[in-house]
Amino acid sequence: MLFETIRVLDGCAERLELHRTRAERSCGVALPGFADAVARVVAGLPQRGEFRLHLPYDATGFFPATVQAYRPRVIRRLRVVEAAVDYALKDEDRSVFEALRARYPDADELLLTRGGLVTDTCFSNVLVGEPGHWVCPADCVLAGTRRESLLREGAVALRPVRVEDLADYPFVTLINAMLPPGRIMLPMRDVLMPR
């Protein structure tokens, strides 16, 4: 089963068209009820606040969504790990990430690389640089909707980022449907290099 995580902020579901497009591409069929499925859930939420809407689906349609008030994880340290993870579809089975995290208890999250190129963390895309001058790694494990939105807006530069390039950037920020740039941002000194 696949899913979309949609940020609902003050009664508005964000980037719905990008979520729908990815969902349809992932399951290979049109999902004409996507916006309605989200709207039904959003209608029952308070008009103030930030919520994480989890919408499971497959090619036959949608399954009951869950919603919770959102609080970002606390990330103080990343560990750079080479891992050829295959997660091109946003699948409910995230056991590959759970197994990786269990191997590296010295960090709050992993910064994954593939062939020496920076990709993502286990739950987000990443940007490197500093506010107003972000670089988006060209390679990713999963093309996120916020990543896509920032690229379309021209708000970030897309280029390959090698592990050895990380020292050239002052910060790394984690982005996903719930996380705009800067919300979780770490100085590069808090990124542990490969063992």
N, C-alpha and C. Protein backbone atom coordinates (compact mmCIF):
# COMPACT_ATOMS: atom_id res chain seq x y z
N MET A 1 0.84 -1.18 0.00
CA MET A 1 0.00 0.00 0.00
C MET A 1 0.89 1.24 0.00
N LEU A 2 0.46 2.26 -0.71
CA LEU A 2 1.18 3.53 -0.80
C LEU A 2 0.47 4.58 0.05
N PHE A 3 1.11 5.72 0.25
CA PHE A 3 0.47 6.79 1.02
C PHE A 3 1.05 8.13 0.63
N GLU A 4 0.30 9.16 0.93
CA GLU A 4 0.75 10.55 0.84
C GLU A 4 0.63 11.17 2.22
N THR A 5 1.62 11.96 2.57
CA THR A 5 1.56 12.76 3.79
C THR A 5 1.33 14.20 3.35
N ILE A 6 0.26 14.79 3.81
CA ILE A 6 -0.14 16.13 3.37
C ILE A 6 -0.18 17.06 4.57
N ARG A 7 0.45 18.19 4.42
CA ARG A 7 0.43 19.20 5.49
C ARG A 7 -0.85 20.01 5.36
N VAL A 8 -1.59 20.11 6.48
CA VAL A 8 -2.78 20.94 6.54
C VAL A 8 -2.46 22.06 7.53
N LEU A 9 -2.39 23.27 7.03
CA LEU A 9 -2.05 24.42 7.84
C LEU A 9 -3.21 25.40 7.84
N ASP A 10 -3.75 25.66 9.02
CA ASP A 10 -4.87 26.59 9.18
C ASP A 10 -6.01 26.30 8.20
N GLY A 11 -6.36 25.02 8.11
CA GLY A 11 -7.50 24.60 7.30
C GLY A 11 -7.23 24.41 5.82
N CYS A 12 -5.99 24.60 5.37
CA CYS A 12 -5.65 24.45 3.94
C CYS A 12 -4.67 23.31 3.73
N ALA A 13 -5.03 22.39 2.86
CA ALA A 13 -4.12 21.31 2.48
C ALA A 13 -3.14 21.83 1.44
N GLU A 14 -1.86 21.62 1.67
CA GLU A 14 -0.82 22.18 0.81
C GLU A 14 -0.40 21.24 -0.32
N ARG A 15 -0.06 21.83 -1.44
CA ARG A 15 0.50 21.14 -2.62
C ARG A 15 -0.32 19.93 -3.07
N LEU A 16 -1.64 20.07 -3.04
CA LEU A 16 -2.51 18.95 -3.41
C LEU A 16 -2.26 18.44 -4.82
N GLU A 17 -2.05 19.32 -5.76
CA GLU A 17 -1.85 18.88 -7.14
C GLU A 17 -0.57 18.05 -7.28
N LEU A 18 0.48 18.45 -6.59
CA LEU A 18 1.72 17.67 -6.64
C LEU A 18 1.54 16.32 -5.96
N HIS A 19 0.81 16.27 -4.85
CA HIS A 19 0.53 14.99 -4.19
C HIS A 19 -0.30 14.09 -5.10
N ARG A 20 -1.34 14.65 -5.73
CA ARG A 20 -2.17 13.84 -6.62
C ARG A 20 -1.36 13.31 -7.79
N THR A 21 -0.55 14.15 -8.38
CA THR A 21 0.26 13.73 -9.53
C THR A 21 1.20 12.60 -9.14
N ARG A 22 1.86 12.72 -7.99
CA ARG A 22 2.76 11.64 -7.57
C ARG A 22 1.98 10.36 -7.28
N ALA A 23 0.83 10.48 -6.64
CA ALA A 23 0.03 9.30 -6.33
C ALA A 23 -0.41 8.58 -7.61
N GLU A 24 -0.85 9.35 -8.59
CA GLU A 24 -1.28 8.73 -9.86
C GLU A 24 -0.11 8.09 -10.59
N ARG A 25 1.03 8.76 -10.58
CA ARG A 25 2.22 8.20 -11.22
C ARG A 25 2.65 6.92 -10.50
N SER A 26 2.56 6.92 -9.18
CA SER A 26 2.99 5.77 -8.39
C SER A 26 2.12 4.54 -8.62
N CYS A 27 0.80 4.72 -8.70
CA CYS A 27 -0.07 3.54 -8.86
C CYS A 27 -0.47 3.30 -10.31
N GLY A 28 -0.11 4.22 -11.20
CA GLY A 28 -0.33 3.99 -12.62
C GLY A 28 -1.75 4.16 -13.11
N VAL A 29 -2.60 4.78 -12.31
CA VAL A 29 -3.98 5.04 -12.73
C VAL A 29 -4.40 6.43 -12.26
N ALA A 30 -5.43 6.96 -12.91
CA ALA A 30 -5.99 8.25 -12.48
C ALA A 30 -6.72 8.05 -11.15
N LEU A 31 -6.60 9.03 -10.29
CA LEU A 31 -7.29 9.00 -8.99
C LEU A 31 -8.17 10.24 -8.88
N PRO A 32 -9.31 10.22 -9.60
CA PRO A 32 -10.14 11.43 -9.65
C PRO A 32 -10.72 11.85 -8.31
N GLY A 33 -10.79 10.95 -7.34
CA GLY A 33 -11.36 11.30 -6.04
C GLY A 33 -10.35 11.82 -5.04
N PHE A 34 -9.13 12.08 -5.49
CA PHE A 34 -8.06 12.47 -4.56
C PHE A 34 -8.43 13.74 -3.78
N ALA A 35 -8.76 14.80 -4.49
CA ALA A 35 -9.07 16.08 -3.83
C ALA A 35 -10.27 15.93 -2.89
N ASP A 36 -11.28 15.17 -3.31
CA ASP A 36 -12.46 14.96 -2.45
C ASP A 36 -12.11 14.20 -1.18
N ALA A 37 -11.25 13.17 -1.32
CA ALA A 37 -10.85 12.39 -0.14
C ALA A 37 -10.15 13.28 0.88
N VAL A 38 -9.29 14.17 0.39
CA VAL A 38 -8.58 15.10 1.29
C VAL A 38 -9.56 16.12 1.87
N ALA A 39 -10.43 16.67 1.03
CA ALA A 39 -11.36 17.72 1.47
C ALA A 39 -12.28 17.21 2.59
N ARG A 40 -12.72 15.96 2.50
CA ARG A 40 -13.59 15.40 3.55
C ARG A 40 -12.89 15.39 4.90
N VAL A 41 -11.61 15.05 4.90
CA VAL A 41 -10.85 15.01 6.15
C VAL A 41 -10.60 16.43 6.67
N VAL A 42 -10.18 17.31 5.78
CA VAL A 42 -9.85 18.68 6.17
C VAL A 42 -11.07 19.40 6.73
N ALA A 43 -12.25 19.10 6.21
CA ALA A 43 -13.48 19.77 6.67
C ALA A 43 -13.73 19.53 8.15
N GLY A 44 -13.24 18.42 8.69
CA GLY A 44 -13.46 18.12 10.10
C GLY A 44 -12.37 18.63 11.03
N LEU A 45 -11.40 19.35 10.48
CA LEU A 45 -10.29 19.84 11.29
C LEU A 45 -10.51 21.27 11.75
N PRO A 46 -9.87 21.66 12.84
CA PRO A 46 -9.93 23.07 13.25
C PRO A 46 -9.32 23.95 12.16
N GLN A 47 -9.78 25.17 12.07
CA GLN A 47 -9.27 26.11 11.07
C GLN A 47 -7.95 26.75 11.49
N ARG A 48 -7.49 26.45 12.66
CA ARG A 48 -6.21 26.94 13.16
C ARG A 48 -5.36 25.74 13.54
N GLY A 49 -4.09 25.79 13.19
CA GLY A 49 -3.17 24.73 13.61
C GLY A 49 -2.54 24.02 12.43
N GLU A 50 -1.59 23.18 12.76
CA GLU A 50 -0.85 22.41 11.76
C GLU A 50 -1.10 20.93 12.01
N PHE A 51 -1.51 20.23 10.93
CA PHE A 51 -1.86 18.83 11.04
C PHE A 51 -1.17 18.01 9.96
N ARG A 52 -0.88 16.77 10.31
CA ARG A 52 -0.28 15.80 9.38
C ARG A 52 -1.38 14.83 8.96
N LEU A 53 -1.73 14.89 7.68
CA LEU A 53 -2.77 14.01 7.12
C LEU A 53 -2.07 12.86 6.40
N HIS A 54 -2.35 11.64 6.82
CA HIS A 54 -1.77 10.43 6.25
C HIS A 54 -2.86 9.75 5.42
N LEU A 55 -2.70 9.74 4.09
CA LEU A 55 -3.73 9.20 3.19
C LEU A 55 -3.21 7.96 2.47
N PRO A 56 -3.60 6.75 2.92
CA PRO A 56 -3.18 5.53 2.23
C PRO A 56 -4.05 5.27 0.99
N TYR A 57 -3.44 4.65 -0.03
CA TYR A 57 -4.17 4.38 -1.26
C TYR A 57 -3.48 3.26 -2.03
N ASP A 58 -4.20 2.72 -2.99
CA ASP A 58 -3.62 1.86 -4.02
C ASP A 58 -4.41 2.11 -5.31
N ALA A 59 -4.20 1.31 -6.32
CA ALA A 59 -4.84 1.54 -7.61
C ALA A 59 -6.36 1.42 -7.54
N THR A 60 -6.89 0.82 -6.48
CA THR A 60 -8.35 0.68 -6.37
C THR A 60 -9.01 1.86 -5.67
N GLY A 61 -8.21 2.71 -5.00
CA GLY A 61 -8.79 3.87 -4.32
C GLY A 61 -8.11 4.18 -3.01
N PHE A 62 -8.86 4.85 -2.13
CA PHE A 62 -8.31 5.37 -0.89
C PHE A 62 -8.79 4.57 0.30
N PHE A 63 -7.98 4.58 1.34
CA PHE A 63 -8.30 3.92 2.59
C PHE A 63 -8.46 5.01 3.65
N PRO A 64 -9.03 4.69 4.81
CA PRO A 64 -9.25 5.75 5.81
C PRO A 64 -7.98 6.52 6.15
N ALA A 65 -8.09 7.82 6.11
CA ALA A 65 -6.97 8.70 6.44
C ALA A 65 -6.87 8.86 7.95
N THR A 66 -5.67 9.15 8.40
CA THR A 66 -5.47 9.50 9.80
C THR A 66 -4.89 10.92 9.84
N VAL A 67 -5.20 11.62 10.92
CA VAL A 67 -4.73 12.99 11.08
C VAL A 67 -4.24 13.17 12.51
N GLN A 68 -3.16 13.89 12.64
CA GLN A 68 -2.69 14.23 13.98
C GLN A 68 -2.08 15.62 13.96
N ALA A 69 -2.16 16.27 15.11
CA ALA A 69 -1.47 17.55 15.26
C ALA A 69 0.00 17.29 15.03
N TYR A 70 0.67 18.23 14.37
CA TYR A 70 2.06 18.00 13.99
C TYR A 70 3.04 18.71 14.90
N ARG A 71 4.04 17.98 15.32
CA ARG A 71 5.19 18.52 16.03
C ARG A 71 6.42 17.91 15.36
N PRO A 72 7.34 18.73 14.88
CA PRO A 72 8.52 18.17 14.21
C PRO A 72 9.41 17.38 15.17
N ARG A 73 10.07 16.39 14.61
CA ARG A 73 11.04 15.61 15.39
C ARG A 73 12.19 16.52 15.81
N VAL A 74 12.84 16.17 16.87
CA VAL A 74 14.04 16.89 17.30
C VAL A 74 15.24 16.16 16.69
N ILE A 75 15.96 16.86 15.83
CA ILE A 75 17.14 16.29 15.17
C ILE A 75 18.32 17.17 15.54
N ARG A 76 19.27 16.58 16.25
CA ARG A 76 20.45 17.34 16.68
C ARG A 76 21.73 16.88 15.97
N ARG A 77 21.68 15.65 15.44
CA ARG A 77 22.87 15.11 14.81
C ARG A 77 22.49 14.15 13.69
N LEU A 78 23.16 14.31 12.56
CA LEU A 78 22.98 13.41 11.41
C LEU A 78 24.24 12.56 11.26
N ARG A 79 24.08 11.34 10.79
CA ARG A 79 25.20 10.47 10.45
C ARG A 79 25.14 10.18 8.96
N VAL A 80 26.23 10.45 8.22
CA VAL A 80 26.30 10.16 6.80
C VAL A 80 26.53 8.66 6.62
N VAL A 81 25.64 8.02 5.84
CA VAL A 81 25.68 6.57 5.65
C VAL A 81 25.49 6.26 4.17
N GLU A 82 26.38 5.46 3.61
CA GLU A 82 26.23 4.99 2.23
C GLU A 82 25.19 3.87 2.24
N ALA A 83 24.13 4.03 1.48
CA ALA A 83 23.05 3.04 1.45
C ALA A 83 22.29 3.15 0.14
N ALA A 84 22.36 2.11 -0.66
CA ALA A 84 21.66 2.08 -1.95
C ALA A 84 20.20 1.69 -1.70
N VAL A 85 19.44 2.62 -1.16
CA VAL A 85 18.04 2.37 -0.80
C VAL A 85 17.16 2.55 -2.04
N ASP A 86 16.26 1.58 -2.25
CA ASP A 86 15.28 1.68 -3.34
C ASP A 86 13.92 1.99 -2.70
N TYR A 87 13.50 3.24 -2.83
CA TYR A 87 12.23 3.67 -2.25
C TYR A 87 11.62 4.73 -3.16
N ALA A 88 11.51 4.40 -4.43
CA ALA A 88 10.99 5.36 -5.42
C ALA A 88 9.49 5.60 -5.25
N LEU A 89 8.80 4.66 -4.59
CA LEU A 89 7.37 4.82 -4.31
C LEU A 89 7.19 5.02 -2.81
N LYS A 90 6.27 5.89 -2.44
CA LYS A 90 6.05 6.19 -1.01
C LYS A 90 5.21 5.07 -0.42
N ASP A 91 5.89 4.02 -0.03
CA ASP A 91 5.29 2.76 0.42
C ASP A 91 5.15 2.75 1.94
N GLU A 92 4.07 2.13 2.42
CA GLU A 92 3.86 2.00 3.86
C GLU A 92 4.96 1.15 4.52
N ASP A 93 5.57 0.26 3.76
CA ASP A 93 6.65 -0.57 4.29
C ASP A 93 7.94 0.24 4.33
N ARG A 94 8.31 0.68 5.51
CA ARG A 94 9.51 1.50 5.68
C ARG A 94 10.57 0.74 6.48
N SER A 95 10.51 -0.60 6.42
CA SER A 95 11.42 -1.43 7.22
C SER A 95 12.89 -1.22 6.84
N VAL A 96 13.18 -0.90 5.59
CA VAL A 96 14.56 -0.66 5.19
C VAL A 96 15.14 0.52 5.98
N PHE A 97 14.35 1.56 6.20
CA PHE A 97 14.82 2.72 6.96
C PHE A 97 14.96 2.40 8.45
N GLU A 98 14.00 1.63 8.97
CA GLU A 98 14.06 1.25 10.38
C GLU A 98 15.30 0.42 10.67
N ALA A 99 15.63 -0.50 9.76
CA ALA A 99 16.82 -1.33 9.93
C ALA A 99 18.10 -0.49 9.87
N LEU A 100 18.15 0.45 8.96
CA LEU A 100 19.32 1.33 8.86
C LEU A 100 19.49 2.16 10.13
N ARG A 101 18.41 2.76 10.60
CA ARG A 101 18.49 3.60 11.81
C ARG A 101 18.98 2.79 13.01
N ALA A 102 18.53 1.55 13.11
CA ALA A 102 18.91 0.71 14.24
C ALA A 102 20.42 0.45 14.27
N ARG A 103 21.05 0.50 13.11
CA ARG A 103 22.50 0.25 13.03
C ARG A 103 23.34 1.45 13.46
N TYR A 104 22.74 2.62 13.57
CA TYR A 104 23.49 3.85 13.87
C TYR A 104 22.82 4.63 15.01
N PRO A 105 22.91 4.12 16.23
CA PRO A 105 22.24 4.79 17.35
C PRO A 105 22.92 6.08 17.80
N ASP A 106 24.09 6.40 17.23
CA ASP A 106 24.81 7.60 17.66
C ASP A 106 24.28 8.89 17.03
N ALA A 107 23.24 8.77 16.17
CA ALA A 107 22.69 9.95 15.51
C ALA A 107 21.16 9.92 15.59
N ASP A 108 20.57 11.10 15.50
CA ASP A 108 19.11 11.20 15.52
C ASP A 108 18.50 10.81 14.19
N GLU A 109 19.28 10.96 13.12
CA GLU A 109 18.79 10.66 11.78
C GLU A 109 19.99 10.39 10.88
N LEU A 110 19.75 9.73 9.76
CA LEU A 110 20.80 9.38 8.81
C LEU A 110 20.71 10.26 7.57
N LEU A 111 21.85 10.70 7.09
CA LEU A 111 21.95 11.40 5.82
C LEU A 111 22.48 10.37 4.83
N LEU A 112 21.61 9.91 3.96
CA LEU A 112 21.93 8.80 3.06
C LEU A 112 22.70 9.27 1.83
N THR A 113 23.63 8.43 1.41
CA THR A 113 24.37 8.69 0.17
C THR A 113 24.28 7.45 -0.70
N ARG A 114 24.45 7.66 -2.00
CA ARG A 114 24.44 6.56 -2.96
C ARG A 114 25.59 6.83 -3.93
N GLY A 115 26.57 5.93 -3.94
CA GLY A 115 27.73 6.12 -4.81
C GLY A 115 28.51 7.38 -4.47
N GLY A 116 28.50 7.76 -3.19
CA GLY A 116 29.22 8.94 -2.75
C GLY A 116 28.47 10.25 -2.95
N LEU A 117 27.24 10.17 -3.48
CA LEU A 117 26.42 11.37 -3.69
C LEU A 117 25.34 11.45 -2.61
N VAL A 118 25.17 12.64 -2.06
CA VAL A 118 24.15 12.87 -1.03
C VAL A 118 22.77 12.72 -1.66
N THR A 119 21.87 12.03 -0.97
CA THR A 119 20.49 11.87 -1.45
C THR A 119 19.53 12.51 -0.44
N ASP A 120 19.06 11.74 0.53
CA ASP A 120 18.00 12.14 1.46
C ASP A 120 18.33 11.67 2.87
N THR A 121 17.42 11.94 3.81
CA THR A 121 17.43 11.25 5.10
C THR A 121 16.40 10.13 4.98
N CYS A 122 16.16 9.43 6.07
CA CYS A 122 15.18 8.35 6.04
C CYS A 122 13.75 8.85 5.95
N PHE A 123 13.53 10.16 6.21
CA PHE A 123 12.16 10.66 6.17
C PHE A 123 12.03 12.00 5.45
N SER A 124 13.11 12.47 4.83
CA SER A 124 13.02 13.79 4.20
C SER A 124 14.02 13.93 3.06
N ASN A 125 13.75 14.89 2.21
CA ASN A 125 14.77 15.37 1.28
C ASN A 125 15.64 16.35 2.07
N VAL A 126 16.74 16.77 1.48
CA VAL A 126 17.63 17.71 2.15
C VAL A 126 18.03 18.83 1.20
N LEU A 127 18.42 19.93 1.80
CA LEU A 127 19.05 21.04 1.08
C LEU A 127 20.31 21.36 1.86
N VAL A 128 21.35 21.82 1.14
CA VAL A 128 22.57 22.26 1.80
C VAL A 128 22.84 23.70 1.41
N GLY A 129 23.53 24.43 2.27
CA GLY A 129 23.82 25.83 2.00
C GLY A 129 23.42 26.67 3.18
N GLU A 130 22.64 27.72 2.90
CA GLU A 130 22.15 28.60 3.95
C GLU A 130 20.87 29.27 3.47
N PRO A 131 20.07 29.81 4.39
CA PRO A 131 18.81 30.44 3.97
C PRO A 131 19.03 31.44 2.83
N GLY A 132 18.21 31.30 1.81
CA GLY A 132 18.31 32.16 0.63
C GLY A 132 19.26 31.65 -0.43
N HIS A 133 20.09 30.66 -0.08
CA HIS A 133 21.09 30.11 -1.02
C HIS A 133 21.18 28.59 -0.84
N TRP A 134 20.07 27.93 -1.04
CA TRP A 134 20.03 26.49 -0.84
C TRP A 134 20.36 25.75 -2.13
N VAL A 135 21.02 24.60 -1.96
CA VAL A 135 21.32 23.68 -3.06
C VAL A 135 20.59 22.38 -2.76
N CYS A 136 19.91 21.86 -3.76
CA CYS A 136 19.19 20.60 -3.65
C CYS A 136 20.02 19.51 -4.33
N PRO A 137 20.39 18.44 -3.61
CA PRO A 137 21.12 17.36 -4.27
C PRO A 137 20.34 16.82 -5.46
N ALA A 138 21.06 16.59 -6.57
CA ALA A 138 20.42 16.13 -7.80
C ALA A 138 19.85 14.72 -7.65
N ASP A 139 20.46 13.92 -6.81
CA ASP A 139 20.02 12.54 -6.61
C ASP A 139 19.14 12.50 -5.37
N CYS A 140 18.09 11.70 -5.41
CA CYS A 140 17.23 11.55 -4.23
C CYS A 140 16.69 10.14 -4.16
N VAL A 141 16.30 9.73 -2.96
CA VAL A 141 15.67 8.43 -2.76
C VAL A 141 14.21 8.51 -3.17
N LEU A 142 13.53 9.57 -2.78
CA LEU A 142 12.12 9.80 -3.12
C LEU A 142 11.95 11.28 -3.46
N ALA A 143 11.38 11.54 -4.62
CA ALA A 143 11.15 12.93 -5.03
C ALA A 143 9.96 13.48 -4.27
N GLY A 144 10.24 14.30 -3.26
CA GLY A 144 9.19 14.85 -2.41
C GLY A 144 8.45 16.00 -3.07
N THR A 145 7.24 16.26 -2.59
CA THR A 145 6.42 17.33 -3.16
C THR A 145 6.96 18.72 -2.82
N ARG A 146 7.52 18.90 -1.62
CA ARG A 146 8.10 20.20 -1.30
C ARG A 146 9.36 20.42 -2.13
N ARG A 147 10.16 19.40 -2.29
CA ARG A 147 11.36 19.48 -3.14
C ARG A 147 10.96 19.91 -4.55
N GLU A 148 9.96 19.24 -5.09
CA GLU A 148 9.48 19.55 -6.44
C GLU A 148 8.98 20.99 -6.52
N SER A 149 8.24 21.41 -5.52
CA SER A 149 7.70 22.77 -5.50
C SER A 149 8.82 23.81 -5.46
N LEU A 150 9.82 23.60 -4.63
CA LEU A 150 10.95 24.53 -4.54
C LEU A 150 11.74 24.59 -5.85
N LEU A 151 11.89 23.44 -6.50
CA LEU A 151 12.59 23.42 -7.79
C LEU A 151 11.80 24.17 -8.85
N ARG A 152 10.50 23.94 -8.90
CA ARG A 152 9.65 24.63 -9.89
C ARG A 152 9.66 26.14 -9.69
N GLU A 153 9.70 26.57 -8.42
CA GLU A 153 9.72 28.00 -8.11
C GLU A 153 11.09 28.64 -8.38
N GLY A 154 12.11 27.82 -8.58
CA GLY A 154 13.45 28.35 -8.74
C GLY A 154 14.06 28.80 -7.42
N ALA A 155 13.52 28.32 -6.31
CA ALA A 155 13.98 28.75 -4.98
C ALA A 155 15.24 28.03 -4.54
N VAL A 156 15.58 26.93 -5.21
CA VAL A 156 16.79 26.17 -4.88
C VAL A 156 17.51 25.80 -6.17
N ALA A 157 18.81 25.64 -6.07
CA ALA A 157 19.62 25.19 -7.21
C ALA A 157 19.77 23.68 -7.14
N LEU A 158 19.68 23.01 -8.26
CA LEU A 158 19.80 21.56 -8.33
C LEU A 158 21.19 21.21 -8.85
N ARG A 159 21.96 20.44 -8.06
CA ARG A 159 23.26 20.00 -8.53
C ARG A 159 23.71 18.78 -7.72
N PRO A 160 24.59 17.97 -8.29
CA PRO A 160 25.12 16.84 -7.52
C PRO A 160 25.89 17.35 -6.30
N VAL A 161 25.70 16.68 -5.17
CA VAL A 161 26.43 17.02 -3.95
C VAL A 161 27.13 15.75 -3.48
N ARG A 162 28.45 15.77 -3.52
CA ARG A 162 29.25 14.63 -3.06
C ARG A 162 29.49 14.76 -1.55
N VAL A 163 29.76 13.64 -0.92
CA VAL A 163 30.03 13.65 0.52
C VAL A 163 31.15 14.63 0.83
N GLU A 164 32.19 14.62 0.02
CA GLU A 164 33.33 15.51 0.29
C GLU A 164 32.98 16.99 0.09
N ASP A 165 31.88 17.27 -0.60
CA ASP A 165 31.43 18.66 -0.79
C ASP A 165 30.73 19.23 0.45
N LEU A 166 30.27 18.37 1.34
CA LEU A 166 29.47 18.83 2.47
C LEU A 166 30.19 19.89 3.30
N ALA A 167 31.51 19.78 3.43
CA ALA A 167 32.28 20.75 4.21
C ALA A 167 32.22 22.15 3.61
N ASP A 168 31.84 22.25 2.32
CA ASP A 168 31.75 23.55 1.65
C ASP A 168 30.47 24.31 2.00
N TYR A 169 29.53 23.66 2.68
CA TYR A 169 28.24 24.27 2.99
C TYR A 169 28.12 24.48 4.49
N PRO A 170 27.56 25.61 4.92
CA PRO A 170 27.44 25.85 6.36
C PRO A 170 26.33 25.05 7.05
N PHE A 171 25.25 24.77 6.34
CA PHE A 171 24.10 24.11 6.97
C PHE A 171 23.50 23.04 6.07
N VAL A 172 22.75 22.16 6.71
CA VAL A 172 21.87 21.23 6.02
C VAL A 172 20.49 21.43 6.63
N THR A 173 19.46 21.47 5.79
CA THR A 173 18.10 21.57 6.29
C THR A 173 17.28 20.42 5.72
N LEU A 174 16.40 19.89 6.53
CA LEU A 174 15.55 18.77 6.13
C LEU A 174 14.23 19.33 5.64
N ILE A 175 13.76 18.81 4.50
CA ILE A 175 12.48 19.27 3.95
C ILE A 175 11.62 18.06 3.60
N ASN A 176 10.35 18.20 3.82
CA ASN A 176 9.36 17.24 3.34
C ASN A 176 8.01 17.95 3.35
N ALA A 177 6.95 17.21 3.15
CA ALA A 177 5.62 17.84 3.09
C ALA A 177 5.34 18.67 4.33
N MET A 178 5.87 18.24 5.46
CA MET A 178 5.61 18.92 6.73
C MET A 178 6.67 19.96 7.09
N LEU A 179 7.82 19.89 6.45
CA LEU A 179 8.96 20.71 6.86
C LEU A 179 9.41 21.67 5.78
N PRO A 180 9.14 22.96 5.95
CA PRO A 180 9.71 23.95 5.02
C PRO A 180 11.21 24.12 5.34
N PRO A 181 11.97 24.67 4.40
CA PRO A 181 13.40 24.89 4.65
C PRO A 181 13.62 25.73 5.91
N GLY A 182 14.59 25.32 6.71
CA GLY A 182 14.96 26.06 7.89
C GLY A 182 14.30 25.60 9.17
N ARG A 183 13.23 24.83 9.08
CA ARG A 183 12.53 24.41 10.30
C ARG A 183 13.39 23.42 11.10
N ILE A 184 14.00 22.47 10.41
CA ILE A 184 15.02 21.63 11.02
C ILE A 184 16.30 21.91 10.24
N MET A 185 17.21 22.64 10.86
CA MET A 185 18.44 23.05 10.20
C MET A 185 19.61 22.80 11.14
N LEU A 186 20.63 22.13 10.64
CA LEU A 186 21.79 21.81 11.45
C LEU A 186 23.05 22.39 10.83
N PRO A 187 23.97 22.89 11.68
CA PRO A 187 25.27 23.29 11.15
C PRO A 187 26.03 22.03 10.74
N MET A 188 26.89 22.14 9.74
CA MET A 188 27.60 20.97 9.23
C MET A 188 28.45 20.29 10.30
N ARG A 189 28.83 21.00 11.35
CA ARG A 189 29.62 20.36 12.41
C ARG A 189 28.81 19.27 13.13
N ASP A 190 27.48 19.30 12.99
CA ASP A 190 26.63 18.28 13.61
C ASP A 190 26.28 17.14 12.65
N VAL A 191 27.00 17.08 11.54
CA VAL A 191 26.85 15.99 10.58
C VAL A 191 28.07 15.09 10.70
N LEU A 192 27.85 13.88 11.19
CA LEU A 192 28.94 12.93 11.40
C LEU A 192 29.28 12.24 10.10
N MET A 193 30.54 12.28 9.70
CA MET A 193 30.98 11.69 8.44
C MET A 193 31.06 10.16 8.57
N PRO A 194 31.14 9.48 7.43
CA PRO A 194 31.17 8.01 7.47
C PRO A 194 32.32 7.48 8.33
N ARG A 195 32.05 6.35 8.94
CA ARG A 195 33.07 5.72 9.80
C ARG A 195 34.13 5.07 8.95
